[in-house]
């Protein structure tokens, strides 16, 4: 009996020991698992902390950028020209280097609907007594959106005429010099002071209307000389301008402008009163790399003195095909005809042909070269080189 109890006790002790050993192994395995999970949790915790830190830094950067973003913007453009033109009639050759224009834009947004824009220009590098240059304020106006369809502006602004008058930054057009038709007939660049409305009547269809100061020609009745540039401008007779513009077809722009001024002399002493009407129209069509531009402009001046000079009619037109080979190179040719004495019986039409190339170092930096031939009432030829930029 005693033997059996001993055997049973020994068996129980062995079983207990084996169970204890098994439990100890499980405990160790559990501890290992727990330690591994703790390491994973610690790693996840570190990653979360790092992510939170990056998010906080990103938020700080975004906040700093938002705080630093200004409602005031600055831009501008400029162009340097080299002209080598031989005058075959008078011998007054033009061989010169000229920093023709240095322009600064300053704009400010008062709100999403109200903004200010200005353009200050230095022409020919230096101005002052006996110097060739000028300092000019070409734009300074307040613009306000009354609705998605109606926008108004008041101040000093560019007139809604022609192609280059409102868009004349060097990378935007071909040729070193601006075309002579818009320069001598319209006359670009042309700005006045007053108020204007822009109405977006339908997708791609817009109307502009403006009441502004007008031209003041002298006894020569040269249109370009009549620009007062809003410098204590005589406003005895205001000018009324209207334009219709259509851009509803991709690559196509059609526009026509009419202006009327009851007295283009502003009742200047010694000069007869003379009403003046400007009519101009242009078309631009682009398909892939090809673009064709065409413009016609004419002035009708109702005055005896203007008629006697043959300047009661002044007109001109040009056509310009061009091909943009790639982002860097483009070729163009332009034929111009204009006559500031079209009202007389003499052959006073001037013909000018330009052929050349533009090289865009950057979309906003351009180098230009063109050959120029002038015929008709003038006779000259030569070449022009230029560099321009905008920002």
Protein backbone atom coordinates (compact mmCIF):
# COMPACT_ATOMS: atom_id res chain seq x y z
CA UNK A 1 0.00 0.00 0.00
CA UNK A 2 2.79 2.28 0.92
CA UNK A 3 4.47 1.47 -2.39
CA UNK A 4 1.45 2.53 -4.40
CA UNK A 5 1.21 5.89 -2.58
CA UNK A 6 4.84 6.53 -3.27
CA UNK A 7 4.41 5.77 -6.96
CA UNK A 8 1.35 7.99 -7.18
CA UNK A 9 3.13 10.83 -5.43
CA UNK A 10 6.12 10.48 -7.69
CA UNK A 11 3.86 10.54 -10.76
CA UNK A 12 2.02 13.62 -9.52
CA UNK A 13 5.30 15.39 -8.84
CA UNK A 14 6.55 14.53 -12.32
CA UNK A 15 3.33 15.66 -13.94
CA UNK A 16 3.40 18.92 -12.00
CA UNK A 17 7.02 19.48 -12.94
CA UNK A 18 6.32 18.80 -16.61
CA UNK A 19 3.32 21.16 -16.53
CA UNK A 20 5.40 23.77 -14.80
CA UNK A 21 8.14 23.40 -17.41
CA UNK A 22 5.58 23.63 -20.24
CA UNK A 23 4.03 26.69 -18.64
CA UNK A 24 7.46 28.24 -18.30
CA UNK A 25 8.15 27.67 -22.02
CA UNK A 26 4.79 29.21 -22.95
CA UNK A 27 5.48 32.17 -20.73
CA UNK A 28 8.81 32.74 -22.39
CA UNK A 29 7.24 32.51 -25.84
CA UNK A 30 4.50 34.92 -24.75
CA UNK A 31 7.09 37.28 -23.41
CA UNK A 32 8.95 37.14 -26.72
CA UNK A 33 5.72 37.84 -28.62
CA UNK A 34 4.86 40.70 -26.27
CA UNK A 35 8.35 42.15 -26.61
CA UNK A 36 8.11 41.94 -30.42
CA UNK A 37 4.70 43.62 -30.35
CA UNK A 38 6.07 46.31 -28.06
CA UNK A 39 8.91 46.93 -30.53
CA UNK A 40 6.40 47.15 -33.39
CA UNK A 41 4.23 49.53 -31.39
CA UNK A 42 7.22 51.66 -30.49
CA UNK A 43 8.29 51.75 -34.16
CA UNK A 44 4.77 52.72 -35.22
CA UNK A 45 4.71 55.37 -32.53
CA UNK A 46 8.01 56.82 -33.80
CA UNK A 47 6.67 56.83 -37.37
CA UNK A 48 3.48 58.57 -36.29
CA UNK A 49 5.47 61.19 -34.44
CA UNK A 50 7.67 61.75 -37.52
CA UNK A 51 4.59 62.01 -39.75
CA UNK A 52 2.96 64.49 -37.39
CA UNK A 53 6.16 66.54 -37.38
CA UNK A 54 6.25 66.62 -41.20
CA UNK A 55 2.57 67.56 -41.36
CA UNK A 56 3.14 70.36 -38.88
CA UNK A 57 6.15 71.61 -40.85
CA UNK A 58 4.17 71.48 -44.12
CA UNK A 59 1.32 73.37 -42.49
CA UNK A 60 3.76 75.99 -41.24
CA UNK A 61 5.26 76.39 -44.74
CA UNK A 62 1.80 76.69 -46.32
CA UNK A 63 0.83 79.26 -43.73
CA UNK A 64 4.04 81.21 -44.31
CA UNK A 65 3.49 81.18 -48.10
CA UNK A 66 -0.12 82.26 -47.66
CA UNK A 67 0.95 85.06 -45.34
CA UNK A 68 3.77 86.16 -47.68
CA UNK A 69 1.62 86.20 -50.85
CA UNK A 70 1.04 89.82 -51.77
CA UNK A 71 -1.89 91.39 -53.56
CA UNK A 72 0.59 93.69 -55.30
CA UNK A 73 2.41 92.42 -58.39
CA UNK A 74 5.35 93.77 -60.39
CA UNK A 75 6.22 93.00 -64.01
CA UNK A 76 7.65 94.64 -67.04
CA UNK A 77 9.38 94.39 -70.41
CA UNK A 78 12.22 95.93 -72.35
CA UNK A 79 13.92 95.85 -75.75
CA UNK A 80 17.30 96.77 -77.19
CA UNK A 81 17.57 97.53 -80.93
CA UNK A 82 20.38 97.77 -83.44
CA UNK A 83 19.34 99.40 -86.72
CA UNK A 84 21.48 99.48 -89.86
CA UNK A 85 19.34 101.15 -92.53
CA UNK A 86 20.66 102.92 -95.63
CA UNK A 87 18.54 105.76 -97.03
CA UNK A 88 19.00 105.64 -100.80
CA UNK A 89 17.31 109.00 -101.41
CA UNK A 90 18.33 111.50 -98.76
CA UNK A 91 21.45 109.82 -97.44
CA UNK A 92 20.16 110.10 -93.87
CA UNK A 93 21.25 106.62 -92.91
CA UNK A 94 20.19 105.11 -89.60
CA UNK A 95 22.98 103.20 -87.89
CA UNK A 96 22.33 103.18 -84.17
CA UNK A 97 21.99 101.13 -80.99
CA UNK A 98 19.09 102.09 -78.77
CA UNK A 99 17.60 100.69 -75.58
CA UNK A 100 14.25 101.61 -77.02
CA UNK A 101 12.00 100.82 -74.08
CA UNK A 102 12.28 99.96 -70.38
CA UNK A 103 8.85 99.39 -68.85
CA UNK A 104 7.63 98.51 -65.37
CA UNK A 105 4.15 97.19 -64.56
CA UNK A 106 2.70 97.59 -61.08
CA UNK A 107 -0.68 96.08 -60.24
CA UNK A 108 -2.71 95.61 -57.09
CA UNK A 109 -5.83 93.59 -56.29
CA UNK A 110 -8.04 95.31 -53.77
CA UNK A 111 -10.47 92.41 -53.97
CA UNK A 112 -11.53 89.69 -56.39
CA UNK A 113 -13.56 92.29 -58.28
CA UNK A 114 -11.53 95.49 -57.97
CA UNK A 115 -7.96 95.96 -59.18
CA UNK A 116 -5.40 98.58 -60.22
CA UNK A 117 -2.92 98.43 -63.11
CA UNK A 118 -0.17 100.79 -64.20
CA UNK A 119 2.65 100.99 -66.75
CA UNK A 120 5.61 103.34 -66.46
CA UNK A 121 8.00 103.58 -69.40
CA UNK A 122 11.41 105.08 -70.08
CA UNK A 123 12.05 105.50 -73.81
CA UNK A 124 15.55 105.70 -75.31
CA UNK A 125 17.34 105.11 -72.02
CA UNK A 126 17.62 108.70 -70.74
CA UNK A 127 15.35 111.73 -70.62
CA UNK A 128 15.83 115.40 -69.80
CA UNK A 129 16.80 118.62 -71.52
CA UNK A 130 18.65 117.85 -74.72
CA UNK A 131 18.25 114.11 -74.24
CA UNK A 132 16.48 111.79 -76.71
CA UNK A 133 14.35 109.90 -74.21
CA UNK A 134 11.05 110.36 -72.41
CA UNK A 135 9.49 109.11 -69.18
CA UNK A 136 5.84 108.25 -69.80
CA UNK A 137 2.92 106.96 -67.80
CA UNK A 138 1.14 104.77 -70.34
CA UNK A 139 -1.44 103.17 -68.07
CA UNK A 140 -2.89 103.88 -64.62
CA UNK A 141 -6.47 102.77 -64.11
CA UNK A 142 -8.92 101.15 -61.72
CA UNK A 143 -10.87 98.17 -63.06
CA UNK A 144 -13.98 96.63 -61.49
CA UNK A 145 -16.08 93.58 -62.36
CA UNK A 146 -19.74 94.40 -61.87
CA UNK A 147 -20.63 90.89 -63.03
CA UNK A 148 -19.20 88.07 -65.12
CA UNK A 149 -20.44 89.94 -68.19
CA UNK A 150 -19.69 93.58 -67.32
CA UNK A 151 -16.31 95.12 -66.47
CA UNK A 152 -15.56 98.85 -66.23
CA UNK A 153 -12.38 100.86 -65.87
CA UNK A 154 -11.50 104.49 -65.28
CA UNK A 155 -8.18 106.29 -65.51
CA UNK A 156 -5.45 106.29 -68.12
CA UNK A 157 -5.49 103.26 -70.44
CA UNK A 158 -4.55 101.98 -73.89
CA UNK A 159 -7.11 102.50 -76.61
CA UNK A 160 -8.93 99.39 -77.90
CA UNK A 161 -7.59 99.60 -81.46
CA UNK A 162 -5.51 97.36 -83.70
CA UNK A 163 -3.34 94.39 -82.77
CA UNK A 164 -0.23 95.69 -81.01
CA UNK A 165 -1.65 98.71 -79.19
CA UNK A 166 -2.81 96.67 -76.21
CA UNK A 167 -0.34 93.77 -76.56
CA UNK A 168 3.12 94.96 -77.55
CA UNK A 169 5.61 93.08 -75.36
CA UNK A 170 8.63 92.01 -77.50
CA UNK A 171 8.12 88.21 -77.21
CA UNK A 172 4.54 88.65 -78.47
CA UNK A 173 5.30 89.88 -82.01
CA UNK A 174 7.70 89.35 -84.91
CA UNK A 175 10.21 91.89 -86.11
CA UNK A 176 12.58 94.15 -84.22
CA UNK A 177 10.47 97.28 -84.78
CA UNK A 178 6.70 97.50 -84.52
CA UNK A 179 4.93 97.60 -87.86
CA UNK A 180 4.73 101.07 -89.49
CA UNK A 181 1.00 100.93 -90.27
CA UNK A 182 -0.13 100.76 -86.67
CA UNK A 183 2.62 103.20 -85.69
CA UNK A 184 1.78 105.92 -88.23
CA UNK A 185 -1.93 105.47 -88.87
CA UNK A 186 -3.57 104.33 -85.60
CA UNK A 187 -1.14 105.56 -83.96
CA UNK A 188 0.32 102.91 -81.58
CA UNK A 189 1.22 103.08 -78.80
CA UNK A 190 -1.84 105.24 -78.08
CA UNK A 191 -3.36 105.90 -74.67
CA UNK A 192 -5.97 108.32 -73.37
CA UNK A 193 -7.76 109.12 -70.11
CA UNK A 194 -11.43 108.46 -69.45
CA UNK A 195 -13.84 105.63 -68.73
CA UNK A 196 -14.53 102.38 -70.59
CA UNK A 197 -16.89 99.40 -70.46
CA UNK A 198 -16.31 95.83 -71.59
CA UNK A 199 -19.35 93.64 -72.18
CA UNK A 200 -18.98 89.89 -72.70
CA UNK A 201 -22.19 89.44 -74.65
CA UNK A 202 -21.70 85.72 -75.41
CA UNK A 203 -18.89 83.16 -75.38
CA UNK A 204 -16.22 84.61 -77.67
CA UNK A 205 -18.12 87.86 -78.35
CA UNK A 206 -17.25 91.09 -76.56
CA UNK A 207 -18.02 94.80 -76.96
CA UNK A 208 -15.92 97.74 -75.73
CA UNK A 209 -17.00 101.34 -75.39
CA UNK A 210 -14.98 104.31 -74.17
CA UNK A 211 -15.29 108.06 -73.65
CA UNK A 212 -11.85 109.60 -73.43
CA UNK A 213 -9.62 112.55 -74.10
CA UNK A 214 -8.84 112.89 -77.79
CA UNK A 215 -6.09 113.82 -80.23
CA UNK A 216 -4.92 117.38 -80.78
CA UNK A 217 -3.28 117.76 -84.19
CA UNK A 218 -1.42 120.86 -85.28
CA UNK A 219 -1.37 122.49 -88.71
CA UNK A 220 0.50 119.47 -90.12
CA UNK A 221 -2.49 117.21 -89.41
CA UNK A 222 -0.17 114.29 -88.71
CA UNK A 223 -2.13 111.82 -86.62
CA UNK A 224 0.84 110.57 -84.61
CA UNK A 225 1.79 114.11 -83.63
CA UNK A 226 -1.71 114.58 -82.22
CA UNK A 227 -1.18 112.28 -79.22
CA UNK A 228 -1.41 114.40 -76.06
CA UNK A 229 -0.34 111.52 -73.77
CA UNK A 230 -2.65 112.87 -71.03
CA UNK A 231 -0.13 115.56 -70.06
CA UNK A 232 -2.40 118.50 -69.20
CA UNK A 233 -4.34 117.33 -72.25
CA UNK A 234 -6.80 119.69 -73.86
CA UNK A 235 -10.24 118.13 -73.38
CA UNK A 236 -12.31 120.67 -75.28
CA UNK A 237 -13.52 117.85 -77.55
CA UNK A 238 -13.71 114.29 -76.26
CA UNK A 239 -13.38 111.12 -78.33
CA UNK A 240 -15.90 108.25 -78.49
CA UNK A 241 -14.65 104.75 -79.26
CA UNK A 242 -16.43 101.43 -79.84
CA UNK A 243 -15.04 97.99 -80.62
CA UNK A 244 -16.49 94.57 -81.34
CA UNK A 245 -14.26 91.50 -80.94
CA UNK A 246 -14.95 87.86 -81.79
CA UNK A 247 -12.82 84.94 -80.57
CA UNK A 248 -15.43 82.17 -80.59
CA UNK A 249 -13.53 79.92 -83.01
CA UNK A 250 -10.24 78.41 -81.72
CA UNK A 251 -7.29 80.15 -83.35
CA UNK A 252 -9.38 82.99 -84.82
CA UNK A 253 -9.65 86.62 -83.76
CA UNK A 254 -11.75 89.21 -85.58
CA UNK A 255 -12.11 92.81 -84.40
CA UNK A 256 -13.29 96.18 -85.66
CA UNK A 257 -13.04 99.61 -84.02
CA UNK A 258 -14.62 102.97 -84.77
CA UNK A 259 -13.77 106.31 -83.16
CA UNK A 260 -15.30 109.74 -83.62
CA UNK A 261 -14.00 113.12 -82.47
CA UNK A 262 -15.91 116.28 -83.33
CA UNK A 263 -12.77 118.43 -83.47
CA UNK A 264 -9.39 116.75 -83.79
CA UNK A 265 -7.65 120.15 -83.50
CA UNK A 266 -9.24 120.88 -80.09
CA UNK A 267 -10.00 124.37 -81.50
CA UNK A 268 -6.32 125.23 -81.66
CA UNK A 269 -5.74 128.87 -82.51
CA UNK A 270 -5.06 129.43 -86.21
CA UNK A 271 -6.31 125.98 -87.21
CA UNK A 272 -9.79 125.30 -88.54
CA UNK A 273 -12.01 122.87 -86.67
CA UNK A 274 -12.06 119.40 -88.20
CA UNK A 275 -14.00 116.32 -87.20
CA UNK A 276 -12.20 112.97 -87.48
CA UNK A 277 -13.38 109.39 -87.85
CA UNK A 278 -11.17 106.34 -87.46
CA UNK A 279 -12.16 102.93 -88.81
CA UNK A 280 -9.95 99.89 -88.36
CA UNK A 281 -10.37 96.13 -88.58
CA UNK A 282 -8.06 93.17 -88.18
CA UNK A 283 -8.02 89.39 -88.38
CA UNK A 284 -5.67 86.83 -86.84
CA UNK A 285 -5.85 83.15 -87.66
CA UNK A 286 -3.56 80.44 -86.26
CA UNK A 287 -3.51 76.73 -87.07
CA UNK A 288 -0.75 74.57 -85.63
CA UNK A 289 2.46 76.56 -86.23
CA UNK A 290 1.06 78.87 -88.93
CA UNK A 291 -0.36 82.32 -88.19
CA UNK A 292 -1.65 85.02 -90.51
CA UNK A 293 -2.31 88.57 -89.36
CA UNK A 294 -3.99 91.27 -91.43
CA UNK A 295 -5.04 94.83 -90.54
CA UNK A 296 -6.59 97.83 -92.27
CA UNK A 297 -6.98 101.34 -90.82
CA UNK A 298 -8.15 104.69 -92.16
CA UNK A 299 -8.82 108.23 -90.96
CA UNK A 300 -11.31 110.60 -92.54
CA UNK A 301 -10.77 114.21 -91.46
CA UNK A 302 -13.41 116.76 -92.39
CA UNK A 303 -11.51 120.04 -92.56
CA UNK A 304 -10.48 122.45 -95.32
CA UNK A 305 -6.86 122.75 -94.16
CA UNK A 306 -6.48 118.99 -93.90
CA UNK A 307 -7.94 118.63 -97.38
CA UNK A 308 -5.54 121.23 -98.79
CA UNK A 309 -2.61 119.20 -97.40
CA UNK A 310 -4.01 115.95 -98.72
CA UNK A 311 -4.31 114.67 -95.14
CA UNK A 312 -8.06 114.56 -94.98
CA UNK A 313 -7.56 110.86 -95.77
CA UNK A 314 -4.86 108.73 -94.16
CA UNK A 315 -4.84 104.95 -94.43
CA UNK A 316 -2.75 101.80 -94.40
CA UNK A 317 -2.80 98.02 -94.28
CA UNK A 318 -0.48 95.07 -93.78
CA UNK A 319 -0.44 91.30 -93.95
CA UNK A 320 1.93 89.10 -91.98
CA UNK A 321 2.25 85.30 -92.39
CA UNK A 322 4.50 83.52 -89.90
CA UNK A 323 5.48 79.98 -88.96
CA UNK A 324 6.54 78.85 -85.48
CA UNK A 325 8.93 75.98 -86.25
CA UNK A 326 9.20 74.89 -82.61
CA UNK A 327 9.32 76.44 -79.16
CA UNK A 328 12.56 78.25 -80.02
CA UNK A 329 12.36 79.39 -83.66
CA UNK A 330 9.86 81.26 -85.79
CA UNK A 331 9.95 82.83 -89.27
CA UNK A 332 7.87 85.72 -90.62
CA UNK A 333 7.32 88.01 -93.56
CA UNK A 334 5.32 91.25 -93.48
CA UNK A 335 4.18 93.56 -96.26
CA UNK A 336 3.00 97.07 -95.31
CA UNK A 337 1.46 99.95 -97.23
CA UNK A 338 0.53 103.27 -95.64
CA UNK A 339 -0.09 106.85 -96.71
CA UNK A 340 -0.54 109.85 -94.44
CA UNK A 341 -1.28 111.96 -97.52
CA UNK A 342 -3.81 109.72 -99.21
CA UNK A 343 -6.13 112.65 -99.90
CA UNK A 344 -3.89 114.18 -102.57
CA UNK A 345 -3.33 113.12 -106.15
CA UNK A 346 0.39 112.44 -105.73
CA UNK A 347 1.85 108.99 -105.27
CA UNK A 348 2.78 109.25 -101.59
CA UNK A 349 2.20 105.63 -100.59
CA UNK A 350 5.07 104.05 -98.67
CA UNK A 351 5.70 100.33 -99.06
CA UNK A 352 7.71 98.35 -96.56
CA UNK A 353 8.65 94.67 -96.51
CA UNK A 354 10.24 92.87 -93.56
CA UNK A 355 11.48 89.27 -93.51
CA UNK A 356 13.12 87.75 -90.47
CA UNK A 357 13.45 85.30 -87.63
CA UNK A 358 12.68 85.18 -83.91
CA UNK A 359 14.63 82.99 -81.49
CA UNK A 360 13.03 82.47 -78.09
CA UNK A 361 15.76 81.64 -75.58
CA UNK A 362 12.85 81.33 -73.13
CA UNK A 363 9.17 81.90 -73.73
CA UNK A 364 9.66 85.38 -72.24
CA UNK A 365 13.10 86.15 -73.74
CA UNK A 366 13.50 86.67 -77.50
CA UNK A 367 16.27 87.53 -79.97
CA UNK A 368 15.21 89.00 -83.32
CA UNK A 369 16.69 89.69 -86.74
CA UNK A 370 15.01 90.98 -89.91
CA UNK A 371 15.80 92.45 -93.31
CA UNK A 372 13.90 95.62 -94.24
CA UNK A 373 13.18 97.10 -97.65
CA UNK A 374 11.24 100.38 -98.07
CA UNK A 375 9.93 101.55 -101.45
CA UNK A 376 7.35 103.82 -103.02
CA UNK A 377 7.62 107.37 -101.68
CA UNK A 378 10.75 106.31 -99.78
CA UNK A 379 13.76 104.22 -100.76
CA UNK A 380 15.84 102.50 -98.10
CA UNK A 381 17.04 99.06 -97.08
CA UNK A 382 19.03 97.37 -94.34
CA UNK A 383 18.67 95.08 -91.36
CA UNK A 384 17.64 95.22 -87.71
CA UNK A 385 18.73 93.19 -84.67
CA UNK A 386 17.07 93.13 -81.30
CA UNK A 387 16.64 91.44 -77.93
CA UNK A 388 13.56 91.69 -75.75
CA UNK A 389 12.08 90.30 -72.56
CA UNK A 390 8.99 90.36 -70.39
CA UNK A 391 8.21 89.14 -66.89
